[in-house]
PDB file of all heavy atoms in Angstrom:
ATOM      1  N   PRO A   1       0.768  -1.174  -0.020  1.00  0.00           N
ATOM      2  CA  PRO A   1      -0.006  -0.026   0.051  1.00  0.00           C
ATOM      3  C   PRO A   1       0.824   1.198   0.066  1.00  0.00           C
ATOM      4  O   PRO A   1       1.831   1.377   0.757  1.00  0.00           O
ATOM      5  CB  PRO A   1      -0.724  -0.114   1.305  1.00  0.00           C
ATOM      6  CG  PRO A   1      -0.895  -1.639   1.550  1.00  0.00           C
ATOM      7  CD  PRO A   1       0.431  -2.182   1.159  1.00  0.00           C
ATOM      8  N   GLY A   2       0.534   2.159  -0.960  1.00  0.00           N
ATOM      9  CA  GLY A   2       1.310   3.439  -0.977  1.00  0.00           C
ATOM     10  C   GLY A   2       2.429   3.462  -2.053  1.00  0.00           C
ATOM     11  O   GLY A   2       2.874   4.442  -2.423  1.00  0.00           O
ATOM     12  N   GLU A   3       2.801   2.167  -2.446  1.00  0.00           N
ATOM     13  CA  GLU A   3       3.814   2.153  -3.460  1.00  0.00           C
ATOM     14  C   GLU A   3       3.282   2.459  -4.834  1.00  0.00           C
ATOM     15  O   GLU A   3       2.134   2.298  -5.026  1.00  0.00           O
ATOM     16  CB  GLU A   3       4.594   0.795  -3.459  1.00  0.00           C
ATOM     17  CG  GLU A   3       5.389   0.487  -2.261  1.00  0.00           C
ATOM     18  CD  GLU A   3       6.112  -0.937  -2.329  1.00  0.00           C
ATOM     19  OE1 GLU A   3       5.724  -1.729  -3.120  1.00  0.00           O
ATOM     20  OE2 GLU A   3       7.106  -1.133  -1.646  1.00  0.00           O
ATOM     21  N   SER A   4       4.191   2.776  -5.784  1.00  0.00           N
ATOM     22  CA  SER A   4       3.937   3.007  -7.136  1.00  0.00           C
ATOM     23  C   SER A   4       4.091   1.798  -8.086  1.00  0.00           C
ATOM     24  O   SER A   4       4.951   1.108  -7.756  1.00  0.00           O
ATOM     25  CB  SER A   4       4.488   4.352  -7.644  1.00  0.00           C
ATOM     26  OG  SER A   4       4.074   5.349  -7.026  1.00  0.00           O
ATOM     27  N   PHE A   5       3.487   1.717  -9.066  1.00  0.00           N
ATOM     28  CA  PHE A   5       3.816   0.738 -10.224  1.00  0.00           C
ATOM     29  C   PHE A   5       3.730   1.471 -11.541  1.00  0.00           C
ATOM     30  O   PHE A   5       3.100   2.449 -11.633  1.00  0.00           O
ATOM     31  CB  PHE A   5       2.824  -0.437 -10.155  1.00  0.00           C
ATOM     32  CG  PHE A   5       1.418  -0.019 -10.419  1.00  0.00           C
ATOM     33  CD1 PHE A   5       0.907  -0.127 -11.685  1.00  0.00           C
ATOM     34  CD2 PHE A   5       0.508   0.240  -9.336  1.00  0.00           C
ATOM     35  CE1 PHE A   5      -0.466   0.250 -11.927  1.00  0.00           C
ATOM     36  CE2 PHE A   5      -0.742   0.722  -9.559  1.00  0.00           C
ATOM     37  CZ  PHE A   5      -1.351   0.568 -10.880  1.00  0.00           C
ATOM     38  N   GLY A   6       4.416   0.886 -12.462  1.00  0.00           N
ATOM     39  CA  GLY A   6       4.398   1.446 -13.909  1.00  0.00           C
ATOM     40  C   GLY A   6       3.166   0.676 -14.624  1.00  0.00           C
ATOM     41  O   GLY A   6       3.053  -0.436 -14.549  1.00  0.00           O
ATOM     42  N   LEU A   7       2.528   1.509 -15.424  1.00  0.00           N
ATOM     43  CA  LEU A   7       1.405   0.975 -16.256  1.00  0.00           C
ATOM     44  C   LEU A   7       1.826   1.239 -17.666  1.00  0.00           C
ATOM     45  O   LEU A   7       2.197   2.371 -18.096  1.00  0.00           O
ATOM     46  CB  LEU A   7       0.093   1.721 -15.893  1.00  0.00           C
ATOM     47  CG  LEU A   7      -1.148   1.304 -16.617  1.00  0.00           C
ATOM     48  CD1 LEU A   7      -1.551  -0.134 -16.334  1.00  0.00           C
ATOM     49  CD2 LEU A   7      -2.381   2.211 -16.341  1.00  0.00           C
ATOM     50  N   TYR A   8       1.684   0.085 -18.393  1.00  0.00           N
ATOM     51  CA  TYR A   8       2.077   0.163 -19.809  1.00  0.00           C
ATOM     52  C   TYR A   8       0.845  -0.216 -20.719  1.00  0.00           C
ATOM     53  O   TYR A   8       0.294  -1.303 -20.468  1.00  0.00           O
ATOM     54  CB  TYR A   8       3.220  -0.951 -20.034  1.00  0.00           C
ATOM     55  CG  TYR A   8       4.395  -0.714 -19.293  1.00  0.00           C
ATOM     56  CD1 TYR A   8       4.512  -0.896 -17.989  1.00  0.00           C
ATOM     57  CD2 TYR A   8       5.608  -0.248 -20.008  1.00  0.00           C
ATOM     58  CE1 TYR A   8       5.693  -0.610 -17.283  1.00  0.00           C
ATOM     59  CE2 TYR A   8       6.792  -0.071 -19.413  1.00  0.00           C
ATOM     60  CZ  TYR A   8       6.794  -0.274 -17.965  1.00  0.00           C
ATOM     61  OH  TYR A   8       7.961  -0.006 -17.285  1.00  0.00           O
ATOM     62  N   VAL A   9       0.589   0.624 -21.558  1.00  0.00           N
ATOM     63  CA  VAL A   9      -0.701   0.630 -22.346  1.00  0.00           C
ATOM     64  C   VAL A   9      -0.525   0.853 -23.824  1.00  0.00           C
ATOM     65  O   VAL A   9       0.261   1.644 -24.166  1.00  0.00           O
ATOM     66  CB  VAL A   9      -1.825   1.643 -21.823  1.00  0.00           C
ATOM     67  CG1 VAL A   9      -3.070   1.559 -22.654  1.00  0.00           C
ATOM     68  CG2 VAL A   9      -2.106   1.404 -20.402  1.00  0.00           C
ATOM     69  N   THR A  10      -1.155   0.075 -24.624  1.00  0.00           N
ATOM     70  CA  THR A  10      -1.262   0.257 -26.105  1.00  0.00           C
ATOM     71  C   THR A  10      -2.649   0.631 -26.544  1.00  0.00           C
ATOM     72  O   THR A  10      -3.639  -0.081 -25.872  1.00  0.00           O
ATOM     73  CB  THR A  10      -0.738  -0.900 -27.057  1.00  0.00           C
ATOM     74  OG1 THR A  10      -0.620  -0.417 -28.282  1.00  0.00           O
ATOM     75  CG2 THR A  10      -1.568  -2.162 -26.733  1.00  0.00           C
ATOM     76  N   SER A  11      -2.942   1.619 -27.289  1.00  0.00           N
ATOM     77  CA  SER A  11      -4.344   1.922 -27.801  1.00  0.00           C
ATOM     78  C   SER A  11      -4.393   2.444 -29.193  1.00  0.00           C
ATOM     79  O   SER A  11      -3.527   3.354 -29.544  1.00  0.00           O
ATOM     80  CB  SER A  11      -4.905   2.985 -26.768  1.00  0.00           C
ATOM     81  OG  SER A  11      -6.178   3.370 -27.247  1.00  0.00           O
ATOM     82  N   THR A  12      -5.229   1.786 -29.992  1.00  0.00           N
ATOM     83  CA  THR A  12      -5.635   2.332 -31.270  1.00  0.00           C
ATOM     84  C   THR A  12      -6.886   3.028 -31.257  1.00  0.00           C
ATOM     85  O   THR A  12      -7.350   3.433 -32.280  1.00  0.00           O
ATOM     86  CB  THR A  12      -5.429   1.192 -32.394  1.00  0.00           C
ATOM     87  OG1 THR A  12      -6.356   0.292 -32.003  1.00  0.00           O
ATOM     88  CG2 THR A  12      -4.005   0.706 -32.450  1.00  0.00           C
ATOM     89  N   LEU A  13      -7.510   3.165 -30.078  1.00  0.00           N
ATOM     90  CA  LEU A  13      -8.802   3.743 -29.921  1.00  0.00           C
ATOM     91  C   LEU A  13      -8.850   5.210 -29.345  1.00  0.00           C
ATOM     92  O   LEU A  13      -9.793   5.704 -29.167  1.00  0.00           O
ATOM     93  CB  LEU A  13      -9.736   2.894 -29.063  1.00  0.00           C
ATOM     94  CG  LEU A  13      -9.872   1.359 -29.560  1.00  0.00           C
ATOM     95  CD1 LEU A  13     -10.695   0.614 -28.572  1.00  0.00           C
ATOM     96  CD2 LEU A  13     -10.502   1.422 -31.061  1.00  0.00           C
ATOM     97  N   GLY A  14      -7.635   5.715 -29.160  1.00  0.00           N
ATOM     98  CA  GLY A  14      -7.529   7.071 -28.547  1.00  0.00           C
ATOM     99  C   GLY A  14      -7.159   7.055 -27.167  1.00  0.00           C
ATOM    100  O   GLY A  14      -6.522   5.925 -26.677  1.00  0.00           O
ATOM    101  N   ASP A  15      -7.311   8.192 -26.512  1.00  0.00           N
ATOM    102  CA  ASP A  15      -6.851   8.201 -25.137  1.00  0.00           C
ATOM    103  C   ASP A  15      -7.491   7.279 -24.219  1.00  0.00           C
ATOM    104  O   ASP A  15      -8.759   6.856 -24.488  1.00  0.00           O
ATOM    105  CB  ASP A  15      -6.987   9.626 -24.623  1.00  0.00           C
ATOM    106  CG  ASP A  15      -6.049  10.650 -25.285  1.00  0.00           C
ATOM    107  OD1 ASP A  15      -5.104  10.272 -26.147  1.00  0.00           O
ATOM    108  OD2 ASP A  15      -6.290  11.902 -25.224  1.00  0.00           O
ATOM    109  N   VAL A  16      -6.911   7.049 -23.058  1.00  0.00           N
ATOM    110  CA  VAL A  16      -7.369   5.828 -22.159  1.00  0.00           C
ATOM    111  C   VAL A  16      -7.611   6.269 -20.731  1.00  0.00           C
ATOM    112  O   VAL A  16      -6.826   6.895 -20.188  1.00  0.00           O
ATOM    113  CB  VAL A  16      -6.180   4.712 -22.259  1.00  0.00           C
ATOM    114  CG1 VAL A  16      -6.776   3.541 -21.298  1.00  0.00           C
ATOM    115  CG2 VAL A  16      -5.861   4.260 -23.557  1.00  0.00           C
ATOM    116  N   ALA A  17      -8.894   6.090 -20.335  1.00  0.00           N
ATOM    117  CA  ALA A  17      -9.296   6.416 -18.910  1.00  0.00           C
ATOM    118  C   ALA A  17      -8.965   5.052 -18.300  1.00  0.00           C
ATOM    119  O   ALA A  17      -9.121   3.931 -18.682  1.00  0.00           O
ATOM    120  CB  ALA A  17     -10.731   6.667 -18.852  1.00  0.00           C
ATOM    121  N   VAL A  18      -8.535   5.277 -17.033  1.00  0.00           N
ATOM    122  CA  VAL A  18      -8.008   4.214 -16.160  1.00  0.00           C
ATOM    123  C   VAL A  18      -8.795   4.321 -14.788  1.00  0.00           C
ATOM    124  O   VAL A  18      -8.834   5.401 -14.157  1.00  0.00           O
ATOM    125  CB  VAL A  18      -6.628   4.229 -15.815  1.00  0.00           C
ATOM    126  CG1 VAL A  18      -6.176   2.840 -15.033  1.00  0.00           C
ATOM    127  CG2 VAL A  18      -5.791   4.183 -17.119  1.00  0.00           C
ATOM    128  N   ALA A  19      -9.419   3.310 -14.341  1.00  0.00           N
ATOM    129  CA  ALA A  19     -10.052   3.133 -12.991  1.00  0.00           C
ATOM    130  C   ALA A  19      -9.605   1.929 -12.294  1.00  0.00           C
ATOM    131  O   ALA A  19      -9.591   0.869 -12.973  1.00  0.00           O
ATOM    132  CB  ALA A  19     -11.624   3.151 -13.109  1.00  0.00           C
ATOM    133  N   ALA A  20      -9.288   2.158 -10.978  1.00  0.00           N
ATOM    134  CA  ALA A  20      -8.901   0.927 -10.050  1.00  0.00           C
ATOM    135  C   ALA A  20     -10.029   0.497  -9.223  1.00  0.00           C
ATOM    136  O   ALA A  20     -10.561   1.358  -8.430  1.00  0.00           O
ATOM    137  CB  ALA A  20      -7.623   1.300  -9.337  1.00  0.00           C
ATOM    138  N   TYR A  21     -10.414  -0.789  -9.345  1.00  0.00           N
ATOM    139  CA  TYR A  21     -11.569  -1.332  -8.594  1.00  0.00           C
ATOM    140  C   TYR A  21     -10.949  -2.424  -7.637  1.00  0.00           C
ATOM    141  O   TYR A  21     -10.358  -3.290  -8.097  1.00  0.00           O
ATOM    142  CB  TYR A  21     -12.637  -1.817  -9.463  1.00  0.00           C
ATOM    143  CG  TYR A  21     -13.349  -0.807 -10.434  1.00  0.00           C
ATOM    144  CD1 TYR A  21     -12.888  -0.620 -11.604  1.00  0.00           C
ATOM    145  CD2 TYR A  21     -14.479  -0.267  -9.913  1.00  0.00           C
ATOM    146  CE1 TYR A  21     -13.452   0.332 -12.454  1.00  0.00           C
ATOM    147  CE2 TYR A  21     -15.074   0.808 -10.696  1.00  0.00           C
ATOM    148  CZ  TYR A  21     -14.598   1.001 -11.917  1.00  0.00           C
ATOM    149  OH  TYR A  21     -15.179   1.990 -12.774  1.00  0.00           O
ATOM    150  N   ARG A  22     -11.316  -2.239  -6.332  1.00  0.00           N
ATOM    151  CA  ARG A  22     -10.929  -3.330  -5.397  1.00  0.00           C
ATOM    152  C   ARG A  22     -12.107  -4.437  -5.298  1.00  0.00           C
ATOM    153  O   ARG A  22     -13.230  -3.903  -5.151  1.00  0.00           O
ATOM    154  CB  ARG A  22     -10.608  -2.757  -4.028  1.00  0.00           C
ATOM    155  CG  ARG A  22     -10.214  -3.752  -3.011  1.00  0.00           C
ATOM    156  CD  ARG A  22     -10.059  -3.219  -1.592  1.00  0.00           C
ATOM    157  NE  ARG A  22      -9.720  -4.147  -0.738  1.00  0.00           N
ATOM    158  CZ  ARG A  22     -10.430  -5.206  -0.097  1.00  0.00           C
ATOM    159  NH1 ARG A  22     -11.731  -5.117  -0.340  1.00  0.00           N
ATOM    160  NH2 ARG A  22      -9.917  -6.073   0.708  1.00  0.00           N
ATOM    161  N   VAL A  23     -11.675  -5.658  -5.447  1.00  0.00           N
ATOM    162  CA  VAL A  23     -12.718  -6.737  -5.547  1.00  0.00           C
ATOM    163  C   VAL A  23     -13.161  -7.059  -4.088  1.00  0.00           C
ATOM    164  O   VAL A  23     -12.156  -7.093  -3.170  1.00  0.00           O
ATOM    165  CB  VAL A  23     -12.088  -7.990  -6.259  1.00  0.00           C
ATOM    166  CG1 VAL A  23     -13.029  -9.031  -6.059  1.00  0.00           C
ATOM    167  CG2 VAL A  23     -11.858  -7.614  -7.643  1.00  0.00           C
ATOM    168  N   GLY A  24     -14.357  -7.179  -3.812  1.00  0.00           N
ATOM    169  CA  GLY A  24     -14.832  -7.548  -2.521  1.00  0.00           C
ATOM    170  C   GLY A  24     -16.260  -7.804  -2.635  1.00  0.00           C
ATOM    171  O   GLY A  24     -16.894  -8.227  -3.601  1.00  0.00           O
ATOM    172  N   SER A  25     -16.958  -7.814  -1.455  1.00  0.00           N
ATOM    173  CA  SER A  25     -18.462  -8.102  -1.395  1.00  0.00           C
ATOM    174  C   SER A  25     -19.213  -6.793  -1.633  1.00  0.00           C
ATOM    175  O   SER A  25     -20.019  -6.894  -2.584  1.00  0.00           O
ATOM    176  CB  SER A  25     -18.715  -8.525   0.150  1.00  0.00           C
ATOM    177  OG  SER A  25     -20.081  -8.791   0.211  1.00  0.00           O
ATOM    178  N   TYR A  26     -19.053  -5.761  -0.825  1.00  0.00           N
ATOM    179  CA  TYR A  26     -19.647  -4.464  -1.132  1.00  0.00           C
ATOM    180  C   TYR A  26     -21.171  -4.646  -1.383  1.00  0.00           C
ATOM    181  O   TYR A  26     -21.701  -4.142  -2.349  1.00  0.00           O
ATOM    182  CB  TYR A  26     -19.011  -3.793  -2.205  1.00  0.00           C
ATOM    183  CG  TYR A  26     -17.554  -3.528  -1.963  1.00  0.00           C
ATOM    184  CD1 TYR A  26     -16.575  -4.291  -2.638  1.00  0.00           C
ATOM    185  CD2 TYR A  26     -17.136  -2.605  -0.991  1.00  0.00           C
ATOM    186  CE1 TYR A  26     -15.142  -4.014  -2.377  1.00  0.00           C
ATOM    187  CE2 TYR A  26     -15.762  -2.441  -0.614  1.00  0.00           C
ATOM    188  CZ  TYR A  26     -14.745  -3.181  -1.379  1.00  0.00           C
ATOM    189  OH  TYR A  26     -13.427  -3.003  -1.117  1.00  0.00           O
ATOM    190  N   GLY A  27     -21.805  -5.255  -0.550  1.00  0.00           N
ATOM    191  CA  GLY A  27     -23.252  -5.358  -0.666  1.00  0.00           C
ATOM    192  C   GLY A  27     -23.831  -6.093  -1.849  1.00  0.00           C
ATOM    193  O   GLY A  27     -24.893  -5.917  -2.431  1.00  0.00           O
ATOM    194  N   GLY A  28     -22.912  -6.994  -2.417  1.00  0.00           N
ATOM    195  CA  GLY A  28     -23.365  -7.759  -3.634  1.00  0.00           C
ATOM    196  C   GLY A  28     -22.932  -7.023  -4.876  1.00  0.00           C
ATOM    197  O   GLY A  28     -23.031  -7.701  -5.954  1.00  0.00           O
ATOM    198  N   ARG A  29     -22.306  -5.917  -4.924  1.00  0.00           N
ATOM    199  CA  ARG A  29     -21.761  -5.166  -6.067  1.00  0.00           C
ATOM    200  C   ARG A  29     -20.530  -5.892  -6.582  1.00  0.00           C
ATOM    201  O   ARG A  29     -20.312  -5.815  -7.771  1.00  0.00           O
ATOM    202  CB  ARG A  29     -21.579  -3.688  -5.729  1.00  0.00           C
ATOM    203  CG  ARG A  29     -22.955  -2.963  -5.462  1.00  0.00           C
ATOM    204  CD  ARG A  29     -23.822  -2.937  -6.707  1.00  0.00           C
ATOM    205  NE  ARG A  29     -24.964  -2.077  -6.586  1.00  0.00           N
ATOM    206  CZ  ARG A  29     -25.076  -0.834  -6.972  1.00  0.00           C
ATOM    207  NH1 ARG A  29     -23.924  -0.107  -7.261  1.00  0.00           N
ATOM    208  NH2 ARG A  29     -26.141  -0.085  -6.674  1.00  0.00           N
ATOM    209  N   GLY A  30     -19.688  -6.394  -5.665  1.00  0.00           N
ATOM    210  CA  GLY A  30     -18.534  -7.162  -6.198  1.00  0.00           C
ATOM    211  C   GLY A  30     -17.288  -6.348  -6.243  1.00  0.00           C
ATOM    212  O   GLY A  30     -16.213  -7.079  -6.339  1.00  0.00           O
ATOM    213  N   ALA A  31     -17.190  -5.059  -6.221  1.00  0.00           N
ATOM    214  CA  ALA A  31     -16.074  -4.213  -6.330  1.00  0.00           C
ATOM    215  C   ALA A  31     -16.375  -2.717  -5.948  1.00  0.00           C
ATOM    216  O   ALA A  31     -17.522  -2.312  -5.995  1.00  0.00           O
ATOM    217  CB  ALA A  31     -15.399  -4.284  -7.701  1.00  0.00           C
ATOM    218  N   ARG A  32     -15.288  -2.084  -5.457  1.00  0.00           N
ATOM    219  CA  ARG A  32     -15.384  -0.679  -5.162  1.00  0.00           C
ATOM    220  C   ARG A  32     -14.310   0.203  -6.045  1.00  0.00           C
ATOM    221  O   ARG A  32     -13.292  -0.260  -6.186  1.00  0.00           O
ATOM    222  CB  ARG A  32     -15.140  -0.471  -3.772  1.00  0.00           C
ATOM    223  CG  ARG A  32     -15.232   0.968  -3.206  1.00  0.00           C
ATOM    224  CD  ARG A  32     -15.043   1.087  -1.694  1.00  0.00           C
ATOM    225  NE  ARG A  32     -13.654   0.823  -1.228  1.00  0.00           N
ATOM    226  CZ  ARG A  32     -12.835   1.736  -1.015  1.00  0.00           C
ATOM    227  NH1 ARG A  32     -13.174   3.151  -1.435  1.00  0.00           N
ATOM    228  NH2 ARG A  32     -11.598   1.626  -0.477  1.00  0.00           N
ATOM    229  N   LEU A  33     -14.822   1.274  -6.397  1.00  0.00           N
ATOM    230  CA  LEU A  33     -13.988   2.282  -7.137  1.00  0.00           C
ATOM    231  C   LEU A  33     -12.933   2.900  -6.139  1.00  0.00           C
ATOM    232  O   LEU A  33     -13.505   3.595  -5.169  1.00  0.00           O
ATOM    233  CB  LEU A  33     -14.602   3.225  -7.848  1.00  0.00           C
ATOM    234  CG  LEU A  33     -13.885   4.363  -8.525  1.00  0.00           C
ATOM    235  CD1 LEU A  33     -12.990   3.719  -9.736  1.00  0.00           C
ATOM    236  CD2 LEU A  33     -14.793   5.487  -9.098  1.00  0.00           C
ATOM    237  N   VAL A  34     -11.741   2.714  -6.273  1.00  0.00           N
ATOM    238  CA  VAL A  34     -10.653   3.216  -5.311  1.00  0.00           C
ATOM    239  C   VAL A  34      -9.967   4.412  -5.900  1.00  0.00           C
ATOM    240  O   VAL A  34      -9.599   5.316  -5.201  1.00  0.00           O
ATOM    241  CB  VAL A  34      -9.683   2.080  -4.828  1.00  0.00           C
ATOM    242  CG1 VAL A  34      -8.678   2.658  -3.986  1.00  0.00           C
ATOM    243  CG2 VAL A  34     -10.560   1.049  -4.088  1.00  0.00           C
ATOM    244  N   TRP A  35      -9.727   4.449  -7.221  1.00  0.00           N
ATOM    245  CA  TRP A  35      -8.913   5.443  -7.783  1.00  0.00           C
ATOM    246  C   TRP A  35      -9.383   5.565  -9.339  1.00  0.00           C
ATOM    247  O   TRP A  35      -9.686   4.546  -9.950  1.00  0.00           O
ATOM    248  CB  TRP A  35      -7.454   5.178  -7.752  1.00  0.00           C
ATOM    249  CG  TRP A  35      -6.620   6.071  -8.433  1.00  0.00           C
ATOM    250  CD1 TRP A  35      -6.097   7.338  -7.937  1.00  0.00           C
ATOM    251  CD2 TRP A  35      -6.030   5.898  -9.771  1.00  0.00           C
ATOM    252  NE1 TRP A  35      -5.358   7.789  -8.975  1.00  0.00           N
ATOM    253  CE2 TRP A  35      -5.188   7.004 -10.138  1.00  0.00           C
ATOM    254  CE3 TRP A  35      -6.176   4.852 -10.721  1.00  0.00           C
ATOM    255  CZ2 TRP A  35      -4.558   7.114 -11.259  1.00  0.00           C
ATOM    256  CZ3 TRP A  35      -5.650   4.915 -11.929  1.00  0.00           C
ATOM    257  CH2 TRP A  35      -4.801   6.133 -12.221  1.00  0.00           C
ATOM    258  N   GLN A  36      -9.382   6.761  -9.950  1.00  0.00           N
ATOM    259  CA  GLN A  36      -9.368   6.749 -11.329  1.00  0.00           C
ATOM    260  C   GLN A  36      -8.482   7.841 -11.735  1.00  0.00           C
ATOM    261  O   GLN A  36      -8.141   8.838 -11.018  1.00  0.00           O
ATOM    262  CB  GLN A  36     -10.819   7.094 -11.894  1.00  0.00           C
ATOM    263  CG  GLN A  36     -11.491   8.272 -11.141  1.00  0.00           C
ATOM    264  CD  GLN A  36     -12.933   8.260 -11.474  1.00  0.00           C
ATOM    265  OE1 GLN A  36     -13.380   7.703 -12.489  1.00  0.00           O
ATOM    266  NE2 GLN A  36     -13.711   9.075 -10.787  1.00  0.00           N
ATOM    267  N   SER A  37      -7.989   7.819 -13.002  1.00  0.00           N
ATOM    268  CA  SER A  37      -7.081   8.801 -13.421  1.00  0.00           C
ATOM    269  C   SER A  37      -7.751  10.172 -13.570  1.00  0.00           C
ATOM    270  O   SER A  37      -8.878  10.319 -14.105  1.00  0.00           O
ATOM    271  CB  SER A  37      -6.456   8.389 -14.941  1.00  0.00           C
ATOM    272  OG  SER A  37      -7.508   8.006 -15.814  1.00  0.00           O
ATOM    273  N   PRO A  38      -7.093  11.274 -13.167  1.00  0.00           N
ATOM    274  CA  PRO A  38      -7.756  12.624 -13.273  1.00  0.00           C
ATOM    275  C   PRO A  38      -8.213  12.995 -14.685  1.00  0.00           C
ATOM    276  O   PRO A  38      -9.126  13.684 -14.830  1.00  0.00           O
ATOM    277  CB  PRO A  38      -6.629  13.465 -12.769  1.00  0.00           C
ATOM    278  CG  PRO A  38      -5.664  12.656 -11.892  1.00  0.00           C
ATOM    279  CD  PRO A  38      -5.686  11.290 -12.546  1.00  0.00           C
ATOM    280  N   GLU A  39      -7.413  12.547 -15.621  1.00  0.00           N
ATOM    281  CA  GLU A  39      -7.710  12.845 -16.966  1.00  0.00           C
ATOM    282  C   GLU A  39      -7.240  11.573 -17.910  1.00  0.00           C
ATOM    283  O   GLU A  39      -6.348  10.764 -17.401  1.00  0.00           O
ATOM    284  CB  GLU A  39      -7.079  14.100 -17.592  1.00  0.00           C
ATOM    285  CG  GLU A  39      -5.578  14.076 -17.335  1.00  0.00           C
ATOM    286  CD  GLU A  39      -4.900  15.402 -17.734  1.00  0.00           C
ATOM    287  OE1 GLU A  39      -5.710  16.489 -17.619  1.00  0.00           O
ATOM    288  OE2 GLU A  39      -3.889  15.448 -18.218  1.00  0.00           O
ATOM    289  N   PRO A  40      -7.753  11.310 -18.944  1.00  0.00           N
ATOM    290  CA  PRO A  40      -7.332  10.132 -19.754  1.00  0.00           C
ATOM    291  C   PRO A  40      -5.779  10.152 -20.083  1.00  0.00           C
ATOM    292  O   PRO A  40      -5.240  11.293 -20.307  1.00  0.00           O
ATOM    293  CB  PRO A  40      -8.241  10.266 -21.091  1.00  0.00           C
ATOM    294  CG  PRO A  40      -9.393  11.019 -20.656  1.00  0.00           C
ATOM    295  CD  PRO A  40      -8.929  11.953 -19.652  1.00  0.00           C
ATOM    296  N   LEU A  41      -5.306   8.914 -20.160  1.00  0.00           N
ATOM    297  CA  LEU A  41      -3.892   8.952 -20.503  1.00  0.00           C
ATOM    298  C   LEU A  41      -3.730   8.968 -22.052  1.00  0.00           C
ATOM    299  O   LEU A  41      -4.527   8.503 -22.757  1.00  0.00           O
ATOM    300  CB  LEU A  41      -3.221   7.653 -19.995  1.00  0.00           C
ATOM    301  CG  LEU A  41      -3.428   7.453 -18.511  1.00  0.00           C
ATOM    302  CD1 LEU A  41      -2.821   6.024 -18.079  1.00  0.00           C
ATOM    303  CD2 LEU A  41      -2.828   8.487 -17.755  1.00  0.00           C
ATOM    304  N   LYS A  42      -2.563   9.482 -22.528  1.00  0.00           N
ATOM    305  CA  LYS A  42      -2.373   9.510 -23.993  1.00  0.00           C
ATOM    306  C   LYS A  42      -2.287   8.107 -24.609  1.00  0.00           C
ATOM    307  O   LYS A  42      -1.476   7.323 -24.181  1.00  0.00           O
ATOM    308  CB  LYS A  42      -1.091  10.269 -24.187  1.00  0.00           C
ATOM    309  CG  LYS A  42      -0.694  10.382 -25.665  1.00  0.00           C
ATOM    310  CD  LYS A  42      -1.569  11.377 -26.371  1.00  0.00           C
ATOM    311  CE  LYS A  42      -1.277  11.531 -27.778  1.00  0.00           C
ATOM    312  NZ  LYS A  42      -2.249  12.396 -28.617  1.00  0.00           N
ATOM    313  N   GLY A  43      -3.275   8.025 -25.502  1.00  0.00           N
ATOM    314  CA  GLY A  43      -3.331   6.711 -26.130  1.00  0.00           C
ATOM    315  C   GLY A  43      -2.348   6.693 -27.332  1.00  0.00           C
ATOM    316  O   GLY A  43      -2.332   7.456 -28.183  1.00  0.00           O
ATOM    317  N   THR A  44      -1.334   5.474 -27.203  1.00  0.00           N
ATOM    318  CA  THR A  44      -0.338   5.346 -28.294  1.00  0.00           C
ATOM    319  C   THR A  44      -0.374   3.890 -28.688  1.00  0.00           C
ATOM    320  O   THR A  44      -0.447   2.962 -27.849  1.00  0.00           O
ATOM    321  CB  THR A  44       0.982   5.793 -27.589  1.00  0.00           C
ATOM    322  OG1 THR A  44       0.902   7.190 -27.250  1.00  0.00           O
ATOM    323  CG2 THR A  44       2.102   5.625 -28.741  1.00  0.00           C
TER     324      THR A  44
END
């Protein structure tokens, strides 16, 4: 927790939005949104 990791993405569909979901129970929903990129990443 708190460490960083590198994310490597290829896209031919344009810029890429990233959202991180933690898997769990959450009242039957199955996951919780913990983080999302403030703006889409450059798609390359």
